[in-house]
PDB file of N, CA and C in Angstrom:
ATOM      1  N   UNK A   1      -1.763 -11.691  13.681  1.00  0.00           N
ATOM      2  CA  UNK A   1      -2.045 -10.310  13.018  1.00  0.00           C
ATOM      3  C   UNK A   1      -0.542 -10.762  11.822  1.00  0.00           C
ATOM      4  N   UNK A   2      -0.988  -9.993  11.206  1.00  0.00           N
ATOM      5  CA  UNK A   2      -0.103 -10.285  10.020  1.00  0.00           C
ATOM      6  C   UNK A   2       0.417  -8.909   9.382  1.00  0.00           C
ATOM      7  N   UNK A   3       1.493  -9.363   8.781  1.00  0.00           N
ATOM      8  CA  UNK A   3       2.252  -7.693   8.491  1.00  0.00           C
ATOM      9  C   UNK A   3       1.975  -8.308   6.460  1.00  0.00           C
ATOM     10  N   UNK A   4       2.659  -6.911   6.241  1.00  0.00           N
ATOM     11  CA  UNK A   4       2.894  -6.944   4.516  1.00  0.00           C
ATOM     12  C   UNK A   4       3.525  -5.890   4.066  1.00  0.00           C
ATOM     13  N   UNK A   5       4.555  -6.096   3.542  1.00  0.00           N
ATOM     14  CA  UNK A   5       5.722  -5.165   2.985  1.00  0.00           C
ATOM     15  C   UNK A   5       5.455  -5.145   1.736  1.00  0.00           C
ATOM     16  N   UNK A   6       4.915  -4.028   0.917  1.00  0.00           N
ATOM     17  CA  UNK A   6       4.902  -3.963  -0.181  1.00  0.00           C
ATOM     18  C   UNK A   6       5.625  -2.990  -1.311  1.00  0.00           C
ATOM     19  N   UNK A   7       6.730  -3.670  -1.807  1.00  0.00           N
ATOM     20  CA  UNK A   7       7.669  -2.769  -2.532  1.00  0.00           C
ATOM     21  C   UNK A   7       7.349  -2.559  -3.821  1.00  0.00           C
ATOM     22  N   UNK A   8       7.391  -0.836  -4.247  1.00  0.00           N
ATOM     23  CA  UNK A   8       6.840  -0.295  -5.411  1.00  0.00           C
ATOM     24  C   UNK A   8       7.602   0.036  -6.497  1.00  0.00           C
ATOM     25  N   UNK A   9       7.414  -0.099  -7.691  1.00  0.00           N
ATOM     26  CA  UNK A   9       8.230   0.030  -8.767  1.00  0.00           C
ATOM     27  C   UNK A   9       7.380   1.727  -9.191  1.00  0.00           C
ATOM     28  N   UNK A  10       8.168   2.724  -9.279  1.00  0.00           N
ATOM     29  CA  UNK A  10       7.303   3.779  -9.971  1.00  0.00           C
ATOM     30  C   UNK A  10       8.215   4.386 -10.402  1.00  0.00           C
ATOM     31  N   UNK A  11       7.734   5.057 -11.893  1.00  0.00           N
ATOM     32  CA  UNK A  11       8.399   5.113 -12.735  1.00  0.00           C
ATOM     33  C   UNK A  11       9.451   6.417 -11.960  1.00  0.00           C
ATOM     34  N   UNK A  12      10.702   6.509 -13.295  1.00  0.00           N
ATOM     35  CA  UNK A  12      11.164   7.834 -12.686  1.00  0.00           C
ATOM     36  C   UNK A  12      10.525   9.203 -13.158  1.00  0.00           C
ATOM     37  N   UNK A  13      10.673   9.977 -12.642  1.00  0.00           N
ATOM     38  CA  UNK A  13       9.594  11.514 -12.955  1.00  0.00           C
ATOM     39  C   UNK A  13       8.406  11.442 -12.437  1.00  0.00           C
ATOM     40  N   UNK A  14       7.895  10.286 -12.043  1.00  0.00           N
ATOM     41  CA  UNK A  14       6.279  10.326 -11.373  1.00  0.00           C
ATOM     42  C   UNK A  14       6.102  10.116  -9.846  1.00  0.00           C
ATOM     43  N   UNK A  15       7.155  10.661  -9.531  1.00  0.00           N
ATOM     44  CA  UNK A  15       7.287  10.393  -7.841  1.00  0.00           C
ATOM     45  C   UNK A  15       6.082  11.150  -7.190  1.00  0.00           C
ATOM     46  N   UNK A  16       6.371  12.629  -7.538  1.00  0.00           N
ATOM     47  CA  UNK A  16       5.167  13.144  -7.109  1.00  0.00           C
ATOM     48  C   UNK A  16       3.607  12.710  -7.150  1.00  0.00           C
ATOM     49  N   UNK A  17       3.445  12.798  -8.351  1.00  0.00           N
ATOM     50  CA  UNK A  17       2.315  12.090  -8.902  1.00  0.00           C
ATOM     51  C   UNK A  17       1.848  10.871  -8.196  1.00  0.00           C
ATOM     52  N   UNK A  18       2.732   9.732  -7.898  1.00  0.00           N
ATOM     53  CA  UNK A  18       2.649   8.329  -7.406  1.00  0.00           C
ATOM     54  C   UNK A  18       2.274   8.970  -5.801  1.00  0.00           C
ATOM     55  N   UNK A  19       2.947   9.730  -5.303  1.00  0.00           N
ATOM     56  CA  UNK A  19       2.756  10.151  -3.971  1.00  0.00           C
ATOM     57  C   UNK A  19       1.470  10.548  -3.386  1.00  0.00           C
ATOM     58  N   UNK A  20       1.150  11.571  -4.378  1.00  0.00           N
ATOM     59  CA  UNK A  20       0.026  12.061  -3.890  1.00  0.00           C
ATOM     60  C   UNK A  20      -1.518  10.767  -4.349  1.00  0.00           C
ATOM     61  N   UNK A  21      -1.292  10.080  -5.320  1.00  0.00           N
ATOM     62  CA  UNK A  21      -2.238   8.731  -5.500  1.00  0.00           C
ATOM     63  C   UNK A  21      -2.116   8.016  -4.127  1.00  0.00           C
ATOM     64  N   UNK A  22      -0.976   7.573  -4.017  1.00  0.00           N
ATOM     65  CA  UNK A  22      -0.813   6.480  -2.791  1.00  0.00           C
ATOM     66  C   UNK A  22      -1.279   7.304  -1.234  1.00  0.00           C
ATOM     67  N   UNK A  23      -1.074   8.550  -1.080  1.00  0.00           N
ATOM     68  CA  UNK A  23      -1.261   9.109   0.393  1.00  0.00           C
ATOM     69  C   UNK A  23      -2.762   9.343   0.240  1.00  0.00           C
ATOM     70  N   UNK A  24      -3.585   9.528  -0.948  1.00  0.00           N
ATOM     71  CA  UNK A  24      -4.738   9.625  -0.695  1.00  0.00           C
ATOM     72  C   UNK A  24      -5.342   8.377  -0.411  1.00  0.00           C
ATOM     73  N   UNK A  25      -4.704   6.896  -1.162  1.00  0.00           N
ATOM     74  CA  UNK A  25      -5.460   5.611  -0.740  1.00  0.00           C
ATOM     75  C   UNK A  25      -4.957   5.534   0.819  1.00  0.00           C
ATOM     76  N   UNK A  26      -3.477   5.633   1.429  1.00  0.00           N
ATOM     77  CA  UNK A  26      -3.675   5.510   2.990  1.00  0.00           C
ATOM     78  C   UNK A  26      -4.584   6.549   3.645  1.00  0.00           C
ATOM     79  N   UNK A  27      -4.517   7.434   3.024  1.00  0.00           N
ATOM     80  CA  UNK A  27      -5.637   8.327   4.026  1.00  0.00           C
ATOM     81  C   UNK A  27      -6.795   7.404   4.241  1.00  0.00           C
ATOM     82  N   UNK A  28      -7.651   7.257   3.082  1.00  0.00           N
ATOM     83  CA  UNK A  28      -8.752   6.200   2.908  1.00  0.00           C
ATOM     84  C   UNK A  28      -8.566   4.589   3.684  1.00  0.00           C
ATOM     85  N   UNK A  29      -7.510   3.901   3.680  1.00  0.00           N
ATOM     86  CA  UNK A  29      -7.114   3.005   4.283  1.00  0.00           C
ATOM     87  C   UNK A  29      -7.386   3.251   5.935  1.00  0.00           C
ATOM     88  N   UNK A  30      -6.604   3.915   6.363  1.00  0.00           N
ATOM     89  CA  UNK A  30      -6.570   4.279   7.423  1.00  0.00           C
ATOM     90  C   UNK A  30      -7.809   4.650   8.195  1.00  0.00           C
ATOM     91  N   UNK A  31      -8.718   5.252   7.668  1.00  0.00           N
ATOM     92  CA  UNK A  31      -9.884   6.044   8.231  1.00  0.00           C
ATOM     93  C   UNK A  31     -10.522   4.883   8.008  1.00  0.00           C
ATOM     94  N   UNK A  32     -11.091   3.808   7.312  1.00  0.00           N
ATOM     95  CA  UNK A  32     -12.007   3.188   6.885  1.00  0.00           C
ATOM     96  C   UNK A  32     -11.688   1.660   7.125  1.00  0.00           C
ATOM     97  N   UNK A  33     -10.547   1.167   7.571  1.00  0.00           N
ATOM     98  CA  UNK A  33     -10.529  -0.383   7.689  1.00  0.00           C
ATOM     99  C   UNK A  33      -9.983  -0.952   9.155  1.00  0.00           C
ATOM    100  N   UNK A  34     -11.137  -0.909  10.015  1.00  0.00           N
ATOM    101  CA  UNK A  34     -10.527  -1.215  11.602  1.00  0.00           C
ATOM    102  C   UNK A  34      -9.577  -2.269  11.540  1.00  0.00           C
ATOM    103  N   UNK A  35      -9.565  -3.174  10.804  1.00  0.00           N
ATOM    104  CA  UNK A  35      -8.707  -4.039  10.866  1.00  0.00           C
ATOM    105  C   UNK A  35      -7.311  -4.446  10.543  1.00  0.00           C
ATOM    106  N   UNK A  36      -7.057  -2.623   9.934  1.00  0.00           N
ATOM    107  CA  UNK A  36      -5.648  -2.632   8.930  1.00  0.00           C
ATOM    108  C   UNK A  36      -4.897  -1.624  10.346  1.00  0.00           C
ATOM    109  N   UNK A  37      -4.115  -1.961  10.972  1.00  0.00           N
ATOM    110  CA  UNK A  37      -3.430  -1.163  11.891  1.00  0.00           C
ATOM    111  C   UNK A  37      -2.267  -0.466  11.578  1.00  0.00           C
ATOM    112  N   UNK A  38      -1.635  -0.440  10.357  1.00  0.00           N
ATOM    113  CA  UNK A  38      -0.732   0.321   9.878  1.00  0.00           C
ATOM    114  C   UNK A  38      -0.918   0.210   8.460  1.00  0.00           C
ATOM    115  N   UNK A  39      -0.669   1.582   7.795  1.00  0.00           N
ATOM    116  CA  UNK A  39      -0.612   1.080   6.508  1.00  0.00           C
ATOM    117  C   UNK A  39      -0.055   2.849   6.257  1.00  0.00           C
ATOM    118  N   UNK A  40       1.627   2.718   5.742  1.00  0.00           N
ATOM    119  CA  UNK A  40       1.957   3.497   5.804  1.00  0.00           C
ATOM    120  C   UNK A  40       3.008   3.615   4.078  1.00  0.00           C
ATOM    121  N   UNK A  41       3.025   4.749   3.762  1.00  0.00           N
ATOM    122  CA  UNK A  41       4.170   5.024   2.632  1.00  0.00           C
ATOM    123  C   UNK A  41       5.599   5.135   3.551  1.00  0.00           C
ATOM    124  N   UNK A  42       6.167   4.648   2.573  1.00  0.00           N
ATOM    125  CA  UNK A  42       7.680   4.913   3.071  1.00  0.00           C
ATOM    126  C   UNK A  42       8.577   5.340   1.918  1.00  0.00           C
ATOM    127  N   UNK A  43      10.033   5.867   2.034  1.00  0.00           N
ATOM    128  CA  UNK A  43      10.423   6.037   0.565  1.00  0.00           C
ATOM    129  C   UNK A  43      12.078   5.948   1.357  1.00  0.00           C
ATOM    130  N   UNK A  44      12.987   5.228   1.090  1.00  0.00           N
ATOM    131  CA  UNK A  44      14.533   5.201   1.186  1.00  0.00           C
ATOM    132  C   UNK A  44      15.428   6.209   0.694  1.00  0.00           C
ATOM    133  N   UNK A  45      16.304   6.054   1.038  1.00  0.00           N
ATOM    134  CA  UNK A  45      17.318   7.328   0.731  1.00  0.00           C
ATOM    135  C   UNK A  45      17.771   6.995  -0.914  1.00  0.00           C
ATOM    136  N   UNK A  46      17.402   6.249  -1.415  1.00  0.00           N
ATOM    137  CA  UNK A  46      17.729   5.887  -2.988  1.00  0.00           C
ATOM    138  C   UNK A  46      16.485   6.346  -3.653  1.00  0.00           C
ATOM    139  N   UNK A  47      15.338   6.654  -2.780  1.00  0.00           N
ATOM    140  CA  UNK A  47      14.398   6.898  -3.344  1.00  0.00           C
ATOM    141  C   UNK A  47      13.293   5.737  -3.719  1.00  0.00           C
ATOM    142  N   UNK A  48      13.223   4.448  -3.623  1.00  0.00           N
ATOM    143  CA  UNK A  48      12.680   3.345  -3.464  1.00  0.00           C
ATOM    144  C   UNK A  48      11.331   3.358  -2.817  1.00  0.00           C
ATOM    145  N   UNK A  49      10.293   2.768  -2.971  1.00  0.00           N
ATOM    146  CA  UNK A  49       9.090   3.230  -2.099  1.00  0.00           C
ATOM    147  C   UNK A  49       8.660   1.321  -1.270  1.00  0.00           C
ATOM    148  N   UNK A  50       8.081   1.591  -0.310  1.00  0.00           N
ATOM    149  CA  UNK A  50       7.552   0.794  -0.032  1.00  0.00           C
ATOM    150  C   UNK A  50       5.963   1.267   0.926  1.00  0.00           C
ATOM    151  N   UNK A  51       5.141  -0.079   1.085  1.00  0.00           N
ATOM    152  CA  UNK A  51       4.146  -0.240   2.147  1.00  0.00           C
ATOM    153  C   UNK A  51       4.717  -0.966   2.525  1.00  0.00           C
ATOM    154  N   UNK A  52       4.278  -0.140   4.377  1.00  0.00           N
ATOM    155  CA  UNK A  52       4.589  -1.107   5.286  1.00  0.00           C
ATOM    156  C   UNK A  52       3.023  -1.174   5.948  1.00  0.00           C
ATOM    157  N   UNK A  53       2.586  -2.592   6.330  1.00  0.00           N
ATOM    158  CA  UNK A  53       1.348  -2.571   6.368  1.00  0.00           C
ATOM    159  C   UNK A  53       1.222  -3.519   7.847  1.00  0.00           C
ATOM    160  N   UNK A  54       0.276  -3.581   8.546  1.00  0.00           N
ATOM    161  CA  UNK A  54      -0.125  -4.451   9.635  1.00  0.00           C
ATOM    162  C   UNK A  54      -1.842  -4.516   9.628  1.00  0.00           C
ATOM    163  N   UNK A  55      -2.253  -6.101   9.777  1.00  0.00           N
ATOM    164  CA  UNK A  55      -3.495  -6.073   9.509  1.00  0.00           C
ATOM    165  C   UNK A  55      -3.994  -7.325  10.811  1.00  0.00           C
ATOM    166  N   UNK A  56      -4.918  -7.436  11.339  1.00  0.00           N
ATOM    167  CA  UNK A  56      -5.598  -7.625  12.669  1.00  0.00           C
ATOM    168  C   UNK A  56      -5.447  -8.949  12.197  1.00  0.00           C
ATOM    169  N   UNK A  57      -5.770  -9.683  10.883  1.00  0.00           N
ATOM    170  CA  UNK A  57      -6.202 -11.291  10.549  1.00  0.00           C
ATOM    171  C   UNK A  57      -6.202 -11.251   9.012  1.00  0.00           C
ATOM    172  N   UNK A  58      -6.207 -12.507   8.724  1.00  0.00           N
ATOM    173  CA  UNK A  58      -6.569 -12.862   6.895  1.00  0.00           C
ATOM    174  C   UNK A  58      -7.907 -11.535   6.325  1.00  0.00           C
ATOM    175  N   UNK A  59      -9.133 -11.911   7.408  1.00  0.00           N
ATOM    176  CA  UNK A  59     -10.089 -11.601   7.068  1.00  0.00           C
ATOM    177  C   UNK A  59      -9.999  -9.509   6.573  1.00  0.00           C
ATOM    178  N   UNK A  60      -9.015  -9.140   7.511  1.00  0.00           N
ATOM    179  CA  UNK A  60      -8.447  -8.065   7.473  1.00  0.00           C
ATOM    180  C   UNK A  60      -7.937  -7.449   5.976  1.00  0.00           C
ATOM    181  N   UNK A  61      -6.918  -8.204   5.776  1.00  0.00           N
ATOM    182  CA  UNK A  61      -6.214  -8.215   4.530  1.00  0.00           C
ATOM    183  C   UNK A  61      -7.307  -8.476   3.234  1.00  0.00           C
ATOM    184  N   UNK A  62      -8.034  -9.115   3.598  1.00  0.00           N
ATOM    185  CA  UNK A  62      -9.367  -9.504   2.253  1.00  0.00           C
ATOM    186  C   UNK A  62     -10.089  -8.208   2.194  1.00  0.00           C
ATOM    187  N   UNK A  63     -10.303  -7.554   3.284  1.00  0.00           N
ATOM    188  CA  UNK A  63     -11.112  -6.685   2.961  1.00  0.00           C
ATOM    189  C   UNK A  63     -10.520  -5.446   2.372  1.00  0.00           C
ATOM    190  N   UNK A  64      -9.447  -5.739   2.896  1.00  0.00           N
ATOM    191  CA  UNK A  64      -8.603  -4.251   2.423  1.00  0.00           C
ATOM    192  C   UNK A  64      -8.545  -4.646   1.068  1.00  0.00           C
ATOM    193  N   UNK A  65      -8.119  -5.610   0.549  1.00  0.00           N
ATOM    194  CA  UNK A  65      -8.468  -5.902  -1.317  1.00  0.00           C
ATOM    195  C   UNK A  65      -9.442  -5.900  -2.129  1.00  0.00           C
ATOM    196  N   UNK A  66     -10.713  -5.689  -0.989  1.00  0.00           N
ATOM    197  CA  UNK A  66     -12.011  -5.655  -1.450  1.00  0.00           C
ATOM    198  C   UNK A  66     -12.896  -4.514  -1.419  1.00  0.00           C
ATOM    199  N   UNK A  67     -11.650  -3.379  -0.624  1.00  0.00           N
ATOM    200  CA  UNK A  67     -12.405  -2.698  -0.651  1.00  0.00           C
ATOM    201  C   UNK A  67     -12.571  -1.388  -2.008  1.00  0.00           C
ATOM    202  N   UNK A  68     -13.522  -0.643  -1.863  1.00  0.00           N
ATOM    203  CA  UNK A  68     -14.067   0.421  -3.127  1.00  0.00           C
ATOM    204  C   UNK A  68     -12.721   1.167  -3.010  1.00  0.00           C
ATOM    205  N   UNK A  69     -12.485   1.919  -1.954  1.00  0.00           N
ATOM    206  CA  UNK A  69     -11.033   2.768  -2.082  1.00  0.00           C
ATOM    207  C   UNK A  69      -9.887   2.295  -2.456  1.00  0.00           C
ATOM    208  N   UNK A  70      -9.521   1.030  -2.033  1.00  0.00           N
ATOM    209  CA  UNK A  70      -8.480  -0.097  -2.898  1.00  0.00           C
ATOM    210  C   UNK A  70      -8.961  -0.133  -4.416  1.00  0.00           C
ATOM    211  N   UNK A  71      -9.723  -0.334  -4.754  1.00  0.00           N
ATOM    212  CA  UNK A  71     -10.504  -0.727  -6.232  1.00  0.00           C
ATOM    213  C   UNK A  71     -10.181   0.703  -7.389  1.00  0.00           C
ATOM    214  N   UNK A  72     -10.520   1.863  -6.275  1.00  0.00           N
ATOM    215  CA  UNK A  72     -10.908   2.896  -6.891  1.00  0.00           C
ATOM    216  C   UNK A  72      -9.294   3.746  -7.247  1.00  0.00           C
ATOM    217  N   UNK A  73      -8.341   3.349  -6.330  1.00  0.00           N
ATOM    218  CA  UNK A  73      -6.878   3.762  -6.929  1.00  0.00           C
ATOM    219  C   UNK A  73      -6.535   3.152  -7.640  1.00  0.00           C
ATOM    220  N   UNK A  74      -6.806   2.069  -7.902  1.00  0.00           N
ATOM    221  CA  UNK A  74      -5.867   1.277  -8.951  1.00  0.00           C
ATOM    222  C   UNK A  74      -5.573   2.195 -10.658  1.00  0.00           C
ATOM    223  N   UNK A  75      -6.845   3.128 -10.884  1.00  0.00           N
ATOM    224  CA  UNK A  75      -6.766   3.922 -11.811  1.00  0.00           C
ATOM    225  C   UNK A  75      -5.856   4.943 -11.932  1.00  0.00           C
ATOM    226  N   UNK A  76      -5.536   5.356 -10.506  1.00  0.00           N
ATOM    227  CA  UNK A  76      -4.746   6.288 -10.395  1.00  0.00           C
ATOM    228  C   UNK A  76      -3.172   6.428 -10.630  1.00  0.00           C
ATOM    229  N   UNK A  77      -3.088   5.165 -10.842  1.00  0.00           N
ATOM    230  CA  UNK A  77      -1.677   4.671 -10.695  1.00  0.00           C
ATOM    231  C   UNK A  77      -1.300   4.318 -11.672  1.00  0.00           C
ATOM    232  N   UNK A  78      -2.126   4.373 -12.929  1.00  0.00           N
ATOM    233  CA  UNK A  78      -2.319   4.037 -14.297  1.00  0.00           C
ATOM    234  C   UNK A  78      -1.184   5.103 -15.015  1.00  0.00           C
ATOM    235  N   UNK A  79       0.223   4.339 -15.559  1.00  0.00           N
ATOM    236  CA  UNK A  79       1.265   5.500 -16.110  1.00  0.00           C
ATOM    237  C   UNK A  79       2.008   6.047 -15.077  1.00  0.00           C
ATOM    238  N   UNK A  80       2.087   5.557 -13.501  1.00  0.00           N
ATOM    239  CA  UNK A  80       3.022   5.582 -12.952  1.00  0.00           C
ATOM    240  C   UNK A  80       3.826   4.434 -12.380  1.00  0.00           C
ATOM    241  N   UNK A  81       3.352   3.400 -12.583  1.00  0.00           N
ATOM    242  CA  UNK A  81       4.263   2.129 -12.010  1.00  0.00           C
ATOM    243  C   UNK A  81       4.944   1.490 -13.442  1.00  0.00           C
ATOM    244  N   UNK A  82       6.255   1.145 -13.111  1.00  0.00           N
ATOM    245  CA  UNK A  82       7.128   0.426 -13.973  1.00  0.00           C
ATOM    246  C   UNK A  82       7.128  -0.554 -13.814  1.00  0.00           C
ATOM    247  N   UNK A  83       6.233  -1.546 -12.728  1.00  0.00           N
ATOM    248  CA  UNK A  83       5.837  -2.880 -12.854  1.00  0.00           C
ATOM    249  C   UNK A  83       4.827  -3.577 -11.726  1.00  0.00           C
ATOM    250  N   UNK A  84       4.675  -4.447 -11.873  1.00  0.00           N
ATOM    251  CA  UNK A  84       4.004  -5.127 -10.500  1.00  0.00           C
ATOM    252  C   UNK A  84       4.820  -4.892  -8.854  1.00  0.00           C
ATOM    253  N   UNK A  85       3.996  -4.812  -8.010  1.00  0.00           N
ATOM    254  CA  UNK A  85       4.696  -4.756  -6.687  1.00  0.00           C
ATOM    255  C   UNK A  85       5.002  -5.964  -6.283  1.00  0.00           C
ATOM    256  N   UNK A  86       6.155  -6.199  -5.462  1.00  0.00           N
ATOM    257  CA  UNK A  86       7.072  -7.295  -4.784  1.00  0.00           C
ATOM    258  C   UNK A  86       5.943  -7.016  -3.422  1.00  0.00           C
ATOM    259  N   UNK A  87       5.190  -8.115  -3.210  1.00  0.00           N
ATOM    260  CA  UNK A  87       4.465  -8.306  -2.221  1.00  0.00           C
ATOM    261  C   UNK A  87       4.945  -9.627  -1.455  1.00  0.00           C
ATOM    262  N   UNK A  88       5.434  -8.946   0.318  1.00  0.00           N
ATOM    263  CA  UNK A  88       5.795  -9.893   1.003  1.00  0.00           C
ATOM    264  C   UNK A  88       4.621 -10.308   2.107  1.00  0.00           C
ATOM    265  N   UNK A  89       4.258 -11.305   2.256  1.00  0.00           N
ATOM    266  CA  UNK A  89       3.473 -11.752   3.265  1.00  0.00           C
ATOM    267  C   UNK A  89       4.048 -11.957   4.543  1.00  0.00           C
ATOM    268  N   UNK A  90       4.066 -11.649   6.132  1.00  0.00           N
ATOM    269  CA  UNK A  90       4.522 -12.403   7.093  1.00  0.00           C
ATOM    270  C   UNK A  90       3.767 -12.478   8.253  1.00  0.00           C
ATOM    271  N   UNK A  91       3.767 -13.364   8.838  1.00  0.00           N
ATOM    272  CA  UNK A  91       2.957 -13.519  10.589  1.00  0.00           C
ATOM    273  C   UNK A  91       3.961 -12.688  11.516  1.00  0.00           C
ATOM    274  N   UNK A  92       3.224 -12.063  11.726  1.00  0.00           N
ATOM    275  CA  UNK A  92       3.641 -11.565  13.377  1.00  0.00           C
ATOM    276  C   UNK A  92       4.292 -12.107  14.298  1.00  0.00           C
ATOM    277  N   UNK A  93       5.147 -12.551  14.968  1.00  0.00           N
ATOM    278  CA  UNK A  93       5.626 -13.199  15.943  1.00  0.00           C
ATOM    279  C   UNK A  93       5.846 -12.736  17.290  1.00  0.00           C
ATOM    280  N   UNK A  94       5.779 -11.590  17.342  1.00  0.00           N
ATOM    281  CA  UNK A  94       5.599 -10.934  18.639  1.00  0.00           C
ATOM    282  C   UNK A  94       4.492  -9.916  19.381  1.00  0.00           C
TER     283      UNK A  94
END
């Protein structure tokens, strides 16, 4: 099993628009990717966003990146992001 944490850099003042796009993507991921066991948008007390992801295996991670809904969501993020996400991939130990 593989875990991914994606730290997202959202432009100030664009949070509501970002959340709408991101939550729409999360809904599609959760409905259409059986190899993805968790895909949740989270926000800390300072307003920083991360997506917590859990996949069955490397093939499920690849399927996520190749999915039509993931590719289509990219256009929705234009003008909302302040830079590339910081991605951490980990192997689940327990």
